[in-house]
Amino acid sequence: MKVALFSWESIHSVLVGGVAVHVSNLGRSLAADGPVVATRNGGPWEFVRHGENGFTIYDNPDSVGWGLGTLFTDFENARRMGANGRADAERRFDWSAISRQVADVYHE
């Protein structure tokens, strides 16, 4: 299972099995069918719906341990959150949707 862990302060994501170097990978991480764990600081957590497509956690070791530990002890729930994340990414990060949103701003 691939899990993405995001923290705004460090401006990077750590993916189990690899390292991604920028927070813009959030959309790709959601689209990869893996749940996302994001600290409640800065931007990434705004896209993570706690318990739906991943977990929002506090910026401390106990909270990080809880988020990752919960995912790895409940694979069925992690898979469900990963599928929800993929649906979110297709809806929110699709270039067609983004271009429509930009066009709407110009038309306002």
Protein backbone atom coordinates (compact mmCIF):
# COMPACT_ATOMS: atom_id res chain seq x y z
CA MET A 1 0.00 0.00 0.00
CA LYS A 2 1.22 3.50 -0.81
CA VAL A 3 0.60 6.19 1.81
CA ALA A 4 1.50 9.85 1.43
CA LEU A 5 2.47 11.96 4.45
CA PHE A 6 2.40 15.74 3.97
CA SER A 7 3.70 18.51 6.20
CA TRP A 8 3.57 22.14 5.11
CA GLU A 9 6.59 23.22 7.14
CA SER A 10 8.93 20.82 5.42
CA ILE A 11 7.36 21.47 1.97
CA HIS A 12 7.74 17.85 0.95
CA SER A 13 5.86 14.63 0.97
CA VAL A 14 7.14 11.30 2.10
CA LEU A 15 5.66 8.38 0.24
CA VAL A 16 6.25 4.90 1.59
CA GLY A 17 8.53 3.43 -1.05
CA GLY A 18 9.87 6.76 -2.29
CA VAL A 19 10.25 10.49 -1.67
CA ALA A 20 8.43 13.24 -3.54
CA VAL A 21 10.03 16.66 -3.29
CA HIS A 22 7.11 19.08 -3.47
CA VAL A 23 3.67 19.46 -1.97
CA SER A 24 2.16 19.80 -5.45
CA ASN A 25 2.27 16.02 -5.52
CA LEU A 26 -0.82 15.99 -3.31
CA GLY A 27 -3.13 15.59 -6.31
CA ARG A 28 -1.03 12.75 -7.69
CA SER A 29 -0.90 11.10 -4.29
CA LEU A 30 -4.67 11.24 -3.97
CA ALA A 31 -5.02 9.85 -7.49
CA ALA A 32 -2.73 6.91 -6.67
CA ASP A 33 -5.46 5.11 -4.68
CA GLY A 34 -3.56 5.56 -1.42
CA PRO A 35 -4.81 7.43 1.64
CA VAL A 36 -3.09 10.73 2.50
CA VAL A 37 -1.93 11.81 5.95
CA ALA A 38 -1.43 15.58 6.27
CA THR A 39 -0.52 17.80 9.19
CA ARG A 40 -3.07 20.47 10.09
CA ASN A 41 -0.68 23.27 9.12
CA GLY A 42 -0.68 25.11 5.83
CA GLY A 43 -2.32 24.03 2.62
CA PRO A 44 -2.28 20.23 2.20
CA TRP A 45 -4.75 19.45 4.97
CA GLU A 46 -7.38 21.58 3.23
CA PHE A 47 -7.70 18.82 0.61
CA VAL A 48 -7.75 15.93 3.05
CA ARG A 49 -11.15 15.04 4.46
CA HIS A 50 -10.35 13.38 7.78
CA GLY A 51 -11.50 9.78 7.73
CA GLU A 52 -12.76 10.05 4.15
CA ASN A 53 -9.67 10.24 1.91
CA GLY A 54 -7.00 10.17 4.62
CA PHE A 55 -6.23 11.65 8.01
CA THR A 56 -5.37 15.13 9.21
CA ILE A 57 -2.92 14.97 12.08
CA TYR A 58 -1.12 17.31 14.44
CA ASP A 59 2.52 18.19 13.91
CA ASN A 60 4.00 15.95 16.59
CA PRO A 61 5.42 12.41 16.68
CA ASP A 62 2.50 10.85 18.58
CA SER A 63 -0.02 12.15 16.06
CA VAL A 64 2.09 11.02 13.09
CA GLY A 65 2.39 7.59 14.72
CA TRP A 66 -1.35 7.45 15.27
CA GLY A 67 -2.16 8.39 11.66
CA LEU A 68 0.23 5.93 10.05
CA GLY A 69 -0.41 3.22 12.63
CA THR A 70 -4.16 3.45 12.11
CA LEU A 71 -3.75 3.05 8.36
CA PHE A 72 -1.50 0.03 8.69
CA THR A 73 -3.79 -1.72 11.16
CA ASP A 74 -7.00 -1.22 9.18
CA PHE A 75 -6.25 -1.99 5.54
CA GLU A 76 -9.91 -2.14 4.52
CA ASN A 77 -10.49 1.40 5.75
CA ALA A 78 -7.22 2.55 4.17
CA ARG A 79 -8.31 1.11 0.81
CA ARG A 80 -11.68 2.85 1.13
CA MET A 81 -9.99 6.17 1.87
CA GLY A 82 -7.61 5.61 -1.06
CA ALA A 83 -10.54 5.05 -3.44
CA ASN A 84 -12.22 8.20 -2.11
CA GLY A 85 -8.98 10.11 -2.65
CA ARG A 86 -8.80 8.96 -6.26
CA ALA A 87 -12.38 10.15 -6.86
CA ASP A 88 -11.53 13.49 -5.22
CA ALA A 89 -8.41 13.88 -7.39
CA GLU A 90 -10.35 13.12 -10.56
CA ARG A 91 -12.92 15.74 -9.60
CA ARG A 92 -10.66 18.46 -8.16
CA PHE A 93 -7.29 18.12 -9.91
CA ASP A 94 -8.38 17.17 -13.42
CA TRP A 95 -7.05 19.72 -15.94
CA SER A 96 -10.46 20.06 -17.58
CA ALA A 97 -12.00 20.97 -14.23
CA ILE A 98 -9.15 23.35 -13.40
CA SER A 99 -9.41 25.11 -16.77
CA ARG A 100 -13.17 25.55 -16.27
CA GLN A 101 -12.55 27.08 -12.85
CA VAL A 102 -9.98 29.50 -14.29
CA ALA A 103 -12.36 30.44 -17.13
CA ASP A 104 -15.15 31.04 -14.59
CA VAL A 105 -12.92 33.48 -12.70
CA TYR A 106 -12.28 35.45 -15.88
CA HIS A 107 -15.98 35.51 -16.74
CA GLU A 108 -16.93 36.92 -13.32
